[in-house]
Amino acid sequence: MYSDVEIKLKKRNKILFSRDSQCLHDLIKLIQLQNHRALVKWALDCSTTSLEQFEAKYPYERRPRICLELCEEWARGKIKMPAAKRAILDSHAVAKEINDEEYGALCHAIGHAGATVHVETHAIGLPMYELTSIVLKYGKENYSKPISDKINFYYDRLLYWQEKTDKLELEWADFLLDDTRINKEKLLSEKRKLKE
């Protein structure tokens, strides 16, 4: 199940999961079935754990929190993309500045969660980076169960948001209300299959 992670650990890759990771296949299939709003709610919701962990170690670094706050406002149509995009890039910048791979991966996870407002293909970035952080935290001998538990959490939360998002009657930016647009993660998967 985690053979690709083992290979990437040996190669000392910075990110240990990808769209090709066997352990993420079911989650990716579920992501492909969602409307954009459900993915936004899921990503912003799931990223709060990353933010809490990050702020426990770096309480004075506010950029990841600002990223999530501004992306939430962007999703609601209260601000435009440039302000949110700057905040997303700032969250990613923190990862480079702190020189801490485990917590840097959390900053990247948060950045991808926020960028899900822009396009669905960023949604999978949240688990890819957060799971990388978990492997770094638990080490190569002990990460299997925490990874499995976290993937189950993602899946369950996505089922929750699939059902609840539109029932909550939230305010949304106009571009997120357009259900005629195809899910970009699904489109990407179809393009990848054609190349094989």
Protein backbone atom coordinates (compact mmCIF):
# COMPACT_ATOMS: atom_id res chain seq x y z
CA MET A 1 0.00 0.00 0.00
CA TYR A 2 2.84 2.42 0.78
CA SER A 3 5.56 1.11 -1.54
CA ASP A 4 5.80 4.46 -3.36
CA VAL A 5 6.29 6.22 -0.02
CA GLU A 6 9.13 3.85 0.84
CA ILE A 7 10.82 4.58 -2.50
CA LYS A 8 10.42 8.33 -2.03
CA LEU A 9 11.79 8.11 1.52
CA LYS A 10 14.91 6.35 0.23
CA LYS A 11 15.33 9.01 -2.44
CA ARG A 12 14.82 11.72 0.21
CA ASN A 13 11.99 13.33 -1.74
CA LYS A 14 10.36 16.37 -0.16
CA ILE A 15 6.84 15.14 -0.91
CA LEU A 16 6.08 11.49 -0.27
CA PHE A 17 2.63 11.13 -1.85
CA SER A 18 1.25 11.81 -5.32
CA ARG A 19 -1.82 11.22 -7.46
CA ASP A 20 -0.30 7.82 -8.23
CA SER A 21 -0.10 6.77 -4.57
CA GLN A 22 -2.20 3.63 -4.20
CA CYS A 23 -3.38 4.69 -0.75
CA LEU A 24 -5.02 7.83 -2.23
CA HIS A 25 -6.88 6.20 -5.15
CA ASP A 26 -10.26 5.91 -3.41
CA LEU A 27 -10.03 9.44 -2.05
CA ILE A 28 -9.15 10.83 -5.49
CA LYS A 29 -12.11 9.00 -7.03
CA LEU A 30 -14.38 10.60 -4.43
CA ILE A 31 -12.84 14.02 -5.05
CA GLN A 32 -13.66 13.63 -8.75
CA LEU A 33 -17.36 13.23 -7.94
CA GLN A 34 -17.70 16.47 -5.97
CA ASN A 35 -18.90 19.89 -6.94
CA HIS A 36 -16.40 22.68 -6.37
CA ARG A 37 -18.18 24.02 -3.26
CA ALA A 38 -18.02 20.67 -1.45
CA LEU A 39 -14.29 20.41 -2.15
CA VAL A 40 -13.73 23.95 -0.85
CA LYS A 41 -15.59 23.21 2.38
CA TRP A 42 -13.75 19.90 2.77
CA ALA A 43 -10.29 21.35 2.15
CA LEU A 44 -10.78 24.36 4.42
CA ASP A 45 -12.28 22.14 7.13
CA CYS A 46 -9.56 19.48 7.00
CA SER A 47 -6.77 22.06 6.94
CA THR A 48 -7.72 23.34 10.40
CA THR A 49 -5.87 20.36 11.90
CA SER A 50 -2.71 21.32 10.01
CA LEU A 51 -3.11 24.90 11.15
CA GLU A 52 -3.54 23.90 14.81
CA GLN A 53 -0.44 21.71 14.68
CA PHE A 54 1.57 24.40 12.96
CA GLU A 55 0.52 27.16 15.36
CA ALA A 56 1.30 24.97 18.39
CA LYS A 57 4.97 25.08 17.35
CA TYR A 58 5.02 28.46 15.56
CA PRO A 59 2.44 30.58 17.43
CA TYR A 60 3.70 33.91 16.10
CA GLU A 61 3.70 32.95 12.43
CA ARG A 62 0.31 34.13 11.16
CA ARG A 63 0.59 33.64 7.40
CA PRO A 64 -0.95 30.14 7.21
CA ARG A 65 -3.94 31.34 9.27
CA ILE A 66 -4.31 34.43 7.12
CA CYS A 67 -4.24 32.17 4.04
CA LEU A 68 -7.21 30.15 5.26
CA GLU A 69 -9.14 33.22 6.43
CA LEU A 70 -8.70 35.06 3.13
CA CYS A 71 -9.50 31.97 1.06
CA GLU A 72 -12.71 31.53 3.04
CA GLU A 73 -13.59 35.16 2.23
CA TRP A 74 -12.72 34.57 -1.43
CA ALA A 75 -15.01 31.53 -1.52
CA ARG A 76 -17.82 33.70 -0.15
CA GLY A 77 -17.24 36.42 -2.78
CA LYS A 78 -16.09 38.97 -0.22
CA ILE A 79 -12.63 39.49 -1.73
CA LYS A 80 -11.10 38.93 -5.16
CA MET A 81 -8.47 36.40 -6.18
CA PRO A 82 -5.31 38.59 -5.96
CA ALA A 83 -5.49 39.04 -2.17
CA ALA A 84 -6.17 35.34 -1.61
CA LYS A 85 -3.47 34.31 -4.09
CA ARG A 86 -0.90 36.43 -2.23
CA ALA A 87 -1.92 34.76 1.05
CA ILE A 88 -1.62 31.29 -0.51
CA LEU A 89 1.87 32.08 -1.80
CA ASP A 90 2.79 33.48 1.62
CA SER A 91 1.76 30.21 3.29
CA HIS A 92 4.00 28.30 0.89
CA ALA A 93 6.82 30.80 1.56
CA VAL A 94 6.71 30.02 5.28
CA ALA A 95 7.63 26.41 4.47
CA LYS A 96 10.90 27.54 2.92
CA GLU A 97 11.70 30.08 5.62
CA ILE A 98 11.30 27.88 8.70
CA ASN A 99 13.68 25.12 7.53
CA ASP A 100 11.52 22.46 9.17
CA GLU A 101 10.37 19.75 6.75
CA GLU A 102 7.56 18.37 8.93
CA TYR A 103 5.99 21.75 9.65
CA GLY A 104 6.85 23.13 6.24
CA ALA A 105 4.74 20.35 4.73
CA LEU A 106 1.85 21.58 6.88
CA CYS A 107 2.26 25.07 5.39
CA HIS A 108 2.11 23.58 1.89
CA ALA A 109 -0.99 21.58 2.87
CA ILE A 110 -2.66 24.77 4.07
CA GLY A 111 -1.68 26.60 0.88
CA HIS A 112 -3.20 23.86 -1.26
CA ALA A 113 -6.36 23.81 0.84
CA GLY A 114 -6.77 27.53 0.21
CA ALA A 115 -5.98 27.16 -3.49
CA THR A 116 -8.83 24.67 -3.80
CA VAL A 117 -11.06 27.74 -4.05
CA HIS A 118 -9.32 28.46 -7.35
CA VAL A 119 -9.43 24.96 -8.84
CA GLU A 120 -10.35 21.45 -7.68
CA THR A 121 -6.93 20.00 -8.58
CA HIS A 122 -5.41 21.69 -5.53
CA ALA A 123 -7.63 19.68 -3.17
CA ILE A 124 -5.42 16.58 -3.34
CA GLY A 125 -2.42 18.74 -2.38
CA LEU A 126 -3.80 18.98 1.14
CA PRO A 127 -3.50 15.24 1.87
CA MET A 128 -0.31 14.82 -0.15
CA TYR A 129 1.51 17.35 2.03
CA GLU A 130 -0.23 16.65 5.33
CA LEU A 131 0.45 12.92 4.98
CA THR A 132 4.08 13.72 4.19
CA SER A 133 4.18 15.65 7.47
CA ILE A 134 2.76 12.64 9.32
CA VAL A 135 5.42 10.32 7.89
CA LEU A 136 8.12 12.79 8.96
CA LYS A 137 6.59 13.01 12.44
CA TYR A 138 6.25 9.26 13.06
CA GLY A 139 9.26 8.01 11.13
CA LYS A 140 9.55 5.27 8.54
CA GLU A 141 8.83 2.48 11.01
CA ASN A 142 5.65 3.89 12.61
CA TYR A 143 3.70 5.93 10.07
CA SER A 144 1.40 3.24 8.61
CA LYS A 145 -1.47 3.44 11.13
CA PRO A 146 -1.53 7.25 11.46
CA ILE A 147 -1.54 7.53 7.65
CA SER A 148 -4.36 5.02 7.31
CA ASP A 149 -6.37 6.79 10.03
CA LYS A 150 -5.88 10.17 8.38
CA ILE A 151 -6.92 8.92 4.94
CA ASN A 152 -10.09 7.47 6.50
CA PHE A 153 -10.69 10.84 8.16
CA TYR A 154 -10.35 12.65 4.80
CA TYR A 155 -12.74 10.22 3.15
CA ASP A 156 -15.35 10.50 5.92
CA ARG A 157 -15.15 14.30 5.98
CA LEU A 158 -15.55 14.46 2.21
CA LEU A 159 -18.68 12.29 2.41
CA TYR A 160 -19.97 14.65 5.09
CA TRP A 161 -19.35 17.77 2.99
CA GLN A 162 -20.74 16.06 -0.12
CA GLU A 163 -24.04 15.73 1.73
CA LYS A 164 -24.07 18.96 3.77
CA THR A 165 -22.47 21.73 1.70
CA ASP A 166 -25.48 22.83 -0.32
CA LYS A 167 -27.93 22.20 2.52
CA LEU A 168 -26.20 24.86 4.64
CA GLU A 169 -27.28 27.66 2.29
CA LEU A 170 -23.93 29.44 2.58
CA GLU A 171 -23.00 32.55 0.66
CA TRP A 172 -20.77 31.70 -2.31
CA ALA A 173 -18.78 33.60 -4.91
CA ASP A 174 -20.55 33.44 -8.28
CA PHE A 175 -17.85 31.30 -9.90
CA LEU A 176 -18.40 28.58 -7.28
CA LEU A 177 -22.11 28.44 -8.05
CA ASP A 178 -21.56 27.35 -11.64
CA ASP A 179 -22.31 23.61 -11.60
CA THR A 180 -21.97 23.32 -15.38
CA ARG A 181 -18.16 23.31 -15.08
CA ILE A 182 -16.56 19.88 -15.08
CA ASN A 183 -14.57 18.88 -12.00
CA LYS A 184 -10.94 19.67 -12.95
CA GLU A 185 -9.56 16.72 -10.96
CA LYS A 186 -11.78 14.41 -13.00
CA LEU A 187 -10.70 16.13 -16.21
CA LEU A 188 -7.04 15.75 -15.24
CA SER A 189 -7.56 12.04 -14.56
CA GLU A 190 -9.16 11.55 -17.96
CA LYS A 191 -6.26 13.34 -19.67
CA ARG A 192 -3.73 11.22 -17.80
CA LYS A 193 -5.50 8.01 -18.88
CA LEU A 194 -5.37 9.09 -22.52
CA LYS A 195 -1.59 9.52 -22.26
CA GLU A 196 -1.08 6.00 -20.91
